């Protein structure tokens, strides 16, 4: 039973994701697909449009066989940490044969060359980029300038600027860093670009464009696979979706409540806490906060990630310890019949606990690691962060049912 891994956010699942799923199964010659999917907070530092269980239902409805959560802080990190956490999750499941990702041209060799070069020059690139940052150059420009100077003549530095290629190279580096036996594969991305709002070839729009259409009250049903749209429609009709106004108020409250504690938050450094406090005094919404804090050295995405850390109370030492150690357990969100057969057959090859029933999560972690183990303490940190993210995400929904907010304990496994 050959299996292909997909690293995803599905925010929401659209026609482009369906193309990725089908092409991945084809190029990998696989019968089973495994999606490692971000939870309630995403790689660019944004809350998800709908919760992780609704997005799991969308994925299963479209034909994905297994959905496993990529936990914080990997899900809300820059490309290297995001990629490494996802690759570690796929490896830990045992039995995943290939990883297939989208790229601009759909050709693996040049991306592998870039990844190999960057792996060998990582310290040099970091040092030279940091030197330019200190001179006032913004991060994207600094990194592009360093790479243009260092890259061999046969490698085109413009390829590194494409969002899908950036993530693709991060996956290739992560596979190498973790000594993974998973085979890398790529397929060409088609349709609208990463952040474009137009509808491209095959009725494929970007997730960004779809979310914008939804916010404006436009129809998006033709941009999602037929079985997926009813899942999203129900969530929207019920008000079970992200409501930006609540997010901005909660973030501003956290900043203003105790400014001294900002210095301990993940990604809050180099005096940015002073700027945050100053701007928050007059900010009226999230956009004015981000725009006021943004600088040449601080990208919008990094600001969004540190705002998530502030909302979650994610401390620097907590995030660093988890990122250094890697995921300590995996949360199974959904599976089809084929997915359940794969999980049963690969159980002995699994290297991390796979949690389905959270009523037994503590005993499972104790049994795996032992209560006095450093890994058990790390697993508890990961668990506390996941539970916190779920509870706080419920405050960001337009409507809340009034049920208990610790949903990880009572939401059932989604079945395809």
Protein backbone atom coordinates (compact mmCIF):
# COMPACT_ATOMS: atom_id res chain seq x y z
CA UNK A 1 0.00 0.00 0.00
CA UNK A 2 2.10 2.89 -1.30
CA UNK A 3 1.45 6.18 0.51
CA UNK A 4 2.10 9.83 -0.40
CA UNK A 5 2.40 12.66 2.10
CA UNK A 6 0.97 16.16 1.58
CA UNK A 7 1.82 19.22 3.70
CA UNK A 8 -1.24 21.44 3.78
CA UNK A 9 -3.39 24.12 5.36
CA UNK A 10 -6.65 23.74 3.36
CA UNK A 11 -7.83 27.23 4.23
CA UNK A 12 -10.22 26.32 2.64
CA UNK A 13 -9.84 23.19 0.50
CA UNK A 14 -10.26 24.33 -3.12
CA UNK A 15 -9.92 23.07 -6.70
CA UNK A 16 -6.17 23.62 -6.65
CA UNK A 17 -5.87 21.33 -3.64
CA UNK A 18 -7.90 18.68 -5.44
CA UNK A 19 -5.51 18.92 -8.40
CA UNK A 20 -2.56 18.59 -5.99
CA UNK A 21 -4.13 15.53 -4.34
CA UNK A 22 -4.89 13.73 -7.59
CA UNK A 23 -1.55 14.53 -9.23
CA UNK A 24 0.35 13.52 -6.09
CA UNK A 25 -1.32 10.11 -6.03
CA UNK A 26 -0.50 9.74 -9.72
CA UNK A 27 3.18 10.76 -9.68
CA UNK A 28 3.82 8.79 -6.47
CA UNK A 29 1.89 5.78 -7.79
CA UNK A 30 0.22 5.75 -4.38
CA UNK A 31 -3.08 4.38 -3.12
CA UNK A 32 -3.22 6.33 0.15
CA UNK A 33 -2.75 10.05 0.88
CA UNK A 34 -1.67 11.49 4.23
CA UNK A 35 -2.14 15.22 4.87
CA UNK A 36 -0.21 16.92 7.65
CA UNK A 37 -2.44 19.97 8.16
CA UNK A 38 -1.99 23.10 10.27
CA UNK A 39 -4.42 23.49 13.16
CA UNK A 40 -6.18 26.70 14.13
CA UNK A 41 -3.29 29.08 13.38
CA UNK A 42 -1.42 29.06 10.10
CA UNK A 43 2.05 29.47 8.63
CA UNK A 44 1.65 33.17 7.80
CA UNK A 45 0.50 33.95 11.32
CA UNK A 46 -3.25 34.04 10.65
CA UNK A 47 -6.19 32.26 12.28
CA UNK A 48 -7.79 29.67 9.99
CA UNK A 49 -11.05 30.50 8.23
CA UNK A 50 -12.78 27.56 9.95
CA UNK A 51 -11.62 25.18 12.66
CA UNK A 52 -9.40 22.16 12.08
CA UNK A 53 -12.29 19.67 12.28
CA UNK A 54 -14.29 21.39 9.51
CA UNK A 55 -11.17 21.55 7.36
CA UNK A 56 -10.58 17.85 8.03
CA UNK A 57 -14.13 17.11 6.85
CA UNK A 58 -13.43 19.05 3.64
CA UNK A 59 -10.24 17.09 3.01
CA UNK A 60 -11.91 13.72 3.59
CA UNK A 61 -14.87 14.69 1.40
CA UNK A 62 -12.42 15.49 -1.41
CA UNK A 63 -10.62 12.14 -1.10
CA UNK A 64 -7.75 12.62 1.36
CA UNK A 65 -7.30 9.45 3.42
CA UNK A 66 -5.60 10.65 6.62
CA UNK A 67 -5.42 14.08 8.26
CA UNK A 68 -2.90 14.61 11.05
CA UNK A 69 -2.46 17.97 12.77
CA UNK A 70 0.80 19.86 12.47
CA UNK A 71 0.97 21.32 15.97
CA UNK A 72 2.05 24.75 17.08
CA UNK A 73 4.61 26.24 16.96
CA UNK A 74 5.65 24.49 13.71
CA UNK A 75 2.36 25.38 12.03
CA UNK A 76 2.95 29.08 12.67
CA UNK A 77 6.67 29.24 11.84
CA UNK A 78 8.80 30.41 8.95
CA UNK A 79 9.40 27.96 6.10
CA UNK A 80 12.39 26.04 7.61
CA UNK A 81 10.66 25.17 10.90
CA UNK A 82 7.26 24.66 9.25
CA UNK A 83 8.83 22.21 6.79
CA UNK A 84 10.94 20.38 9.36
CA UNK A 85 8.00 19.82 11.72
CA UNK A 86 5.81 18.52 8.90
CA UNK A 87 8.51 16.18 7.59
CA UNK A 88 9.14 14.88 11.11
CA UNK A 89 5.40 14.21 11.46
CA UNK A 90 5.27 12.26 8.19
CA UNK A 91 8.34 10.26 9.15
CA UNK A 92 6.97 9.49 12.60
CA UNK A 93 3.78 7.98 11.15
CA UNK A 94 5.86 5.20 9.60
CA UNK A 95 5.27 3.85 6.12
CA UNK A 96 4.91 7.13 4.20
CA UNK A 97 6.79 6.53 0.95
CA UNK A 98 6.80 9.93 -0.75
CA UNK A 99 6.20 13.63 -0.20
CA UNK A 100 4.72 15.55 -3.12
CA UNK A 101 4.57 19.34 -3.19
CA UNK A 102 3.63 21.96 -5.76
CA UNK A 103 6.25 24.14 -7.45
CA UNK A 104 6.28 26.75 -10.19
CA UNK A 105 7.70 24.48 -12.91
CA UNK A 106 7.07 21.03 -11.48
CA UNK A 107 10.71 19.97 -11.96
CA UNK A 108 12.57 18.58 -8.95
CA UNK A 109 16.23 18.72 -10.04
CA UNK A 110 16.82 22.51 -9.89
CA UNK A 111 15.00 22.76 -6.57
CA UNK A 112 17.20 19.98 -5.20
CA UNK A 113 20.29 21.86 -6.41
CA UNK A 114 19.13 25.00 -4.62
CA UNK A 115 18.32 23.06 -1.45
CA UNK A 116 21.71 21.32 -1.44
CA UNK A 117 23.51 24.62 -1.95
CA UNK A 118 21.55 26.39 0.78
CA UNK A 119 22.16 23.50 3.16
CA UNK A 120 25.91 23.78 2.64
CA UNK A 121 25.98 27.58 2.88
CA UNK A 122 23.42 28.05 5.63
CA UNK A 123 25.75 29.74 8.14
CA UNK A 124 27.22 32.07 5.52
CA UNK A 125 23.79 33.08 4.21
CA UNK A 126 22.56 33.78 7.76
CA UNK A 127 25.60 35.88 8.68
CA UNK A 128 25.57 37.97 5.49
CA UNK A 129 21.79 38.48 5.69
CA UNK A 130 22.05 39.62 9.31
CA UNK A 131 24.75 42.12 8.36
CA UNK A 132 22.48 43.68 5.74
CA UNK A 133 19.56 43.77 8.17
CA UNK A 134 21.69 45.77 10.59
CA UNK A 135 22.24 48.29 7.79
CA UNK A 136 18.49 48.81 7.38
CA UNK A 137 17.81 46.50 4.42
CA UNK A 138 14.55 44.58 4.76
CA UNK A 139 14.69 40.80 5.05
CA UNK A 140 13.44 39.77 1.57
CA UNK A 141 15.80 42.19 -0.15
CA UNK A 142 18.74 41.24 2.09
CA UNK A 143 18.28 37.53 1.49
CA UNK A 144 17.87 38.01 -2.27
CA UNK A 145 21.03 40.11 -2.44
CA UNK A 146 23.06 37.55 -0.48
CA UNK A 147 21.85 34.66 -2.61
CA UNK A 148 22.47 36.55 -5.85
CA UNK A 149 26.05 37.08 -4.69
CA UNK A 150 26.65 33.50 -3.52
CA UNK A 151 24.74 31.32 -5.99
CA UNK A 152 26.69 29.57 -8.74
CA UNK A 153 26.06 30.93 -12.22
CA UNK A 154 23.89 28.02 -13.32
CA UNK A 155 21.30 28.69 -10.57
CA UNK A 156 18.77 31.46 -11.17
CA UNK A 157 18.18 33.41 -7.92
CA UNK A 158 14.74 34.59 -9.11
CA UNK A 159 13.42 31.04 -8.66
CA UNK A 160 13.95 31.33 -4.92
CA UNK A 161 11.46 34.20 -4.70
CA UNK A 162 8.46 32.08 -5.79
CA UNK A 163 6.41 31.11 -2.69
CA UNK A 164 5.85 27.48 -3.71
CA UNK A 165 9.52 27.05 -4.54
CA UNK A 166 10.55 28.52 -1.18
CA UNK A 167 8.46 25.94 0.65
CA UNK A 168 9.57 23.18 -1.73
CA UNK A 169 13.21 23.86 -1.04
CA UNK A 170 12.46 23.95 2.69
CA UNK A 171 10.89 20.48 2.42
CA UNK A 172 13.95 19.17 0.56
CA UNK A 173 16.28 20.63 3.18
CA UNK A 174 14.17 19.15 5.97
CA UNK A 175 14.25 15.69 4.37
CA UNK A 176 18.04 15.93 4.26
CA UNK A 177 18.43 17.35 7.77
CA UNK A 178 16.27 14.61 9.29
CA UNK A 179 17.90 11.86 7.20
CA UNK A 180 14.44 10.89 5.98
CA UNK A 181 13.90 8.00 3.59
CA UNK A 182 10.76 9.66 2.18
CA UNK A 183 11.06 10.25 -1.57
CA UNK A 184 10.56 13.88 -2.65
CA UNK A 185 8.34 14.55 -5.67
CA UNK A 186 6.95 17.72 -7.17
CA UNK A 187 4.16 18.72 -9.52
CA UNK A 188 3.51 22.00 -11.31
CA UNK A 189 1.13 24.39 -9.64
CA UNK A 190 -1.57 25.61 -12.00
CA UNK A 191 -4.28 28.26 -11.78
CA UNK A 192 -4.01 31.47 -9.76
CA UNK A 193 -0.78 32.32 -8.00
CA UNK A 194 -0.20 32.03 -4.28
CA UNK A 195 -1.75 35.39 -3.36
CA UNK A 196 -3.55 36.30 -6.58
CA UNK A 197 -7.25 37.08 -6.42
CA UNK A 198 -8.12 36.13 -10.01
CA UNK A 199 -9.53 32.75 -11.02
CA UNK A 200 -7.02 30.83 -13.06
CA UNK A 201 -6.95 27.78 -15.32
CA UNK A 202 -9.37 24.99 -14.41
CA UNK A 203 -11.43 27.19 -12.07
CA UNK A 204 -8.54 27.33 -9.63
CA UNK A 205 -8.33 30.36 -7.36
CA UNK A 206 -5.91 30.87 -4.49
CA UNK A 207 -7.11 30.38 -0.92
CA UNK A 208 -6.43 34.10 -0.41
CA UNK A 209 -8.72 34.99 -3.31
CA UNK A 210 -11.46 32.67 -2.06
CA UNK A 211 -11.37 34.14 1.44
CA UNK A 212 -11.57 37.65 -0.01
CA UNK A 213 -14.60 36.69 -2.09
CA UNK A 214 -16.28 35.20 0.96
CA UNK A 215 -15.63 38.37 2.97
CA UNK A 216 -17.24 40.39 0.18
CA UNK A 217 -20.27 38.10 -0.02
CA UNK A 218 -19.38 36.73 -3.45
CA UNK A 219 -20.14 33.17 -4.56
CA UNK A 220 -17.25 30.70 -4.30
CA UNK A 221 -19.02 27.36 -4.73
CA UNK A 222 -17.55 26.86 -8.23
CA UNK A 223 -14.04 27.28 -6.83
CA UNK A 224 -14.33 24.35 -4.42
CA UNK A 225 -14.83 20.64 -5.20
CA UNK A 226 -18.51 19.69 -5.23
CA UNK A 227 -18.42 17.59 -2.00
CA UNK A 228 -16.45 20.26 -0.14
CA UNK A 229 -18.66 23.32 -0.60
CA UNK A 230 -21.56 22.11 1.65
CA UNK A 231 -19.13 21.66 4.57
CA UNK A 232 -17.87 25.22 4.27
CA UNK A 233 -21.35 26.60 3.56
CA UNK A 234 -22.73 25.10 6.79
CA UNK A 235 -19.89 26.62 8.80
CA UNK A 236 -20.51 30.05 7.30
CA UNK A 237 -24.29 29.85 7.66
CA UNK A 238 -23.89 28.86 11.32
CA UNK A 239 -21.35 31.60 12.02
CA UNK A 240 -18.75 28.94 12.85
CA UNK A 241 -15.93 30.81 11.16
CA UNK A 242 -13.17 33.27 11.96
CA UNK A 243 -14.35 36.80 12.77
CA UNK A 244 -11.46 39.31 12.40
CA UNK A 245 -12.88 42.01 14.70
CA UNK A 246 -12.71 39.70 17.70
CA UNK A 247 -9.13 38.76 16.92
CA UNK A 248 -7.95 42.37 16.86
CA UNK A 249 -9.63 43.15 20.18
CA UNK A 250 -8.14 40.11 21.91
CA UNK A 251 -4.64 40.82 20.59
CA UNK A 252 -4.83 44.49 21.57
CA UNK A 253 -6.05 43.50 25.05
CA UNK A 254 -3.07 41.18 25.51
CA UNK A 255 -0.59 43.87 24.44
CA UNK A 256 -2.11 46.55 26.67
CA UNK A 257 -2.76 44.31 29.67
CA UNK A 258 0.84 43.77 30.74
CA UNK A 259 3.45 45.28 28.38
CA UNK A 260 6.33 44.06 30.56
CA UNK A 261 5.45 40.44 29.75
CA UNK A 262 5.76 41.00 25.99
CA UNK A 263 9.53 40.60 26.17
CA UNK A 264 9.10 36.92 27.11
CA UNK A 265 6.89 36.13 24.09
CA UNK A 266 8.20 34.16 21.16
CA UNK A 267 9.48 36.35 18.28
CA UNK A 268 9.18 39.55 20.32
CA UNK A 269 12.75 40.88 20.32
CA UNK A 270 15.03 43.81 19.51
CA UNK A 271 12.78 46.29 21.29
CA UNK A 272 9.69 45.56 19.19
CA UNK A 273 7.67 45.33 22.42
CA UNK A 274 7.98 49.12 22.82
CA UNK A 275 6.71 49.71 19.31
CA UNK A 276 3.82 47.28 19.86
CA UNK A 277 2.75 49.07 23.03
CA UNK A 278 2.98 52.51 21.44
CA UNK A 279 0.96 51.56 18.34
CA UNK A 280 -1.61 49.58 20.35
CA UNK A 281 -2.48 52.72 22.33
CA UNK A 282 -4.21 54.15 19.25
CA UNK A 283 -4.80 51.18 16.92
CA UNK A 284 -8.42 50.67 15.95
CA UNK A 285 -8.10 47.25 14.31
CA UNK A 286 -5.61 44.58 13.31
CA UNK A 287 -4.61 46.33 10.09
CA UNK A 288 -3.68 49.59 11.80
CA UNK A 289 -1.71 47.64 14.41
CA UNK A 290 0.28 45.67 11.81
CA UNK A 291 0.83 48.71 9.58
CA UNK A 292 2.01 50.79 12.52
CA UNK A 293 4.51 48.17 13.70
CA UNK A 294 5.80 47.13 10.27
CA UNK A 295 9.30 48.30 9.37
CA UNK A 296 11.98 47.58 6.78
CA UNK A 297 13.50 44.95 9.06
CA UNK A 298 10.19 43.41 10.16
CA UNK A 299 7.98 41.77 7.56
CA UNK A 300 4.20 41.66 7.81
CA UNK A 301 4.27 37.88 8.14
CA UNK A 302 6.65 37.98 11.08
CA UNK A 303 4.45 40.55 12.82
CA UNK A 304 1.42 38.32 12.29
CA UNK A 305 3.29 35.35 13.78
CA UNK A 306 4.38 37.26 16.86
CA UNK A 307 0.81 38.49 17.36
CA UNK A 308 -0.33 34.86 17.43
CA UNK A 309 2.37 34.16 20.02
CA UNK A 310 1.14 37.11 22.11
CA UNK A 311 -2.48 35.93 21.89
CA UNK A 312 -1.54 32.38 22.90
CA UNK A 313 0.90 33.46 25.59
CA UNK A 314 3.55 31.41 23.80
CA UNK A 315 6.82 32.06 25.62
CA UNK A 316 10.17 32.17 23.86
CA UNK A 317 11.72 29.34 25.90
CA UNK A 318 8.63 27.17 25.39
CA UNK A 319 8.67 27.62 21.59
CA UNK A 320 12.44 27.16 21.33
CA UNK A 321 12.40 23.94 23.35
CA UNK A 322 9.63 22.45 21.22
CA UNK A 323 11.12 23.52 17.87
CA UNK A 324 14.51 22.09 18.83
CA UNK A 325 13.05 18.76 19.96
CA UNK A 326 10.43 18.19 17.25
CA UNK A 327 6.81 17.05 17.70
CA UNK A 328 6.31 14.76 20.70
CA UNK A 329 3.00 13.25 19.60
CA UNK A 330 0.64 13.42 16.63
CA UNK A 331 -3.08 14.25 16.72
CA UNK A 332 -5.16 12.20 14.29
CA UNK A 333 -8.07 14.35 13.08
CA UNK A 334 -9.64 12.12 10.45
CA UNK A 335 -9.27 8.99 8.34
CA UNK A 336 -11.02 7.13 5.54
CA UNK A 337 -11.35 3.33 5.52
CA UNK A 338 -8.18 3.11 3.43
CA UNK A 339 -6.48 5.47 5.85
CA UNK A 340 -7.43 3.34 8.84
CA UNK A 341 -6.07 0.24 7.12
CA UNK A 342 -2.79 2.05 6.49
CA UNK A 343 -2.57 3.19 10.11
CA UNK A 344 -3.19 -0.35 11.34
CA UNK A 345 -0.52 -1.78 9.04
CA UNK A 346 2.09 0.87 9.95
CA UNK A 347 1.53 0.87 13.71
CA UNK A 348 4.76 -0.95 14.55
CA UNK A 349 6.80 1.48 12.46
CA UNK A 350 5.38 4.54 14.20
CA UNK A 351 7.91 6.52 16.24
CA UNK A 352 5.53 8.93 18.03
CA UNK A 353 2.24 8.40 19.87
CA UNK A 354 -0.74 8.93 17.58
CA UNK A 355 -3.52 10.42 19.69
CA UNK A 356 -7.10 9.93 18.60
CA UNK A 357 -9.00 9.89 21.90
CA UNK A 358 -7.93 12.82 24.09
CA UNK A 359 -9.60 11.33 27.14
CA UNK A 360 -6.57 9.03 27.24
CA UNK A 361 -3.92 11.48 26.09
CA UNK A 362 -2.19 11.83 29.48
CA UNK A 363 -1.97 8.10 30.11
CA UNK A 364 -0.74 7.54 26.53
CA UNK A 365 2.06 10.08 26.92
CA UNK A 366 3.05 8.72 30.35
CA UNK A 367 3.14 5.18 28.98
CA UNK A 368 5.26 6.24 26.01
CA UNK A 369 7.79 8.45 27.78
CA UNK A 370 7.61 7.88 31.53
CA UNK A 371 6.49 10.63 33.84
CA UNK A 372 10.04 11.76 34.74
CA UNK A 373 11.27 11.93 31.16
CA UNK A 374 12.23 15.30 29.58
CA UNK A 375 10.25 14.21 26.51
CA UNK A 376 7.13 13.78 28.64
CA UNK A 377 7.50 17.36 29.84
CA UNK A 378 7.90 18.51 26.23
CA UNK A 379 4.83 16.50 25.22
CA UNK A 380 2.86 18.19 28.01
CA UNK A 381 4.00 21.58 26.72
CA UNK A 382 2.86 20.67 23.22
CA UNK A 383 -0.47 19.43 24.59
CA UNK A 384 -1.05 22.54 26.70
CA UNK A 385 -0.35 24.74 23.68
CA UNK A 386 -2.73 22.77 21.45
CA UNK A 387 -5.52 22.91 24.03
CA UNK A 388 -4.94 26.64 24.52
CA UNK A 389 -5.10 27.28 20.76
CA UNK A 390 -8.42 25.42 20.49
CA UNK A 391 -10.01 27.32 23.38
CA UNK A 392 -8.85 30.72 22.15
CA UNK A 393 -9.90 29.98 18.57
CA UNK A 394 -13.45 29.47 19.84
CA UNK A 395 -13.39 33.13 20.95
CA UNK A 396 -12.57 34.16 17.37
CA UNK A 397 -15.67 32.60 15.82
CA UNK A 398 -18.55 34.81 14.77
CA UNK A 399 -20.97 32.62 16.75
CA UNK A 400 -20.19 30.14 19.49
CA UNK A 401 -22.50 27.30 20.40
CA UNK A 402 -21.95 27.67 24.13
CA UNK A 403 -20.47 24.18 24.40
CA UNK A 404 -17.27 23.46 26.32
CA UNK A 405 -14.28 25.11 24.68
CA UNK A 406 -11.87 22.20 25.27
CA UNK A 407 -13.05 20.58 22.04
CA UNK A 408 -9.98 18.39 21.58
CA UNK A 409 -11.41 16.17 24.32
CA UNK A 410 -14.82 15.58 22.79
CA UNK A 411 -14.66 16.10 19.03
CA UNK A 412 -14.86 12.64 17.39
CA UNK A 413 -12.50 11.37 14.75
CA UNK A 414 -13.76 12.47 11.34
CA UNK A 415 -14.30 9.55 8.97
CA UNK A 416 -14.24 9.64 5.19
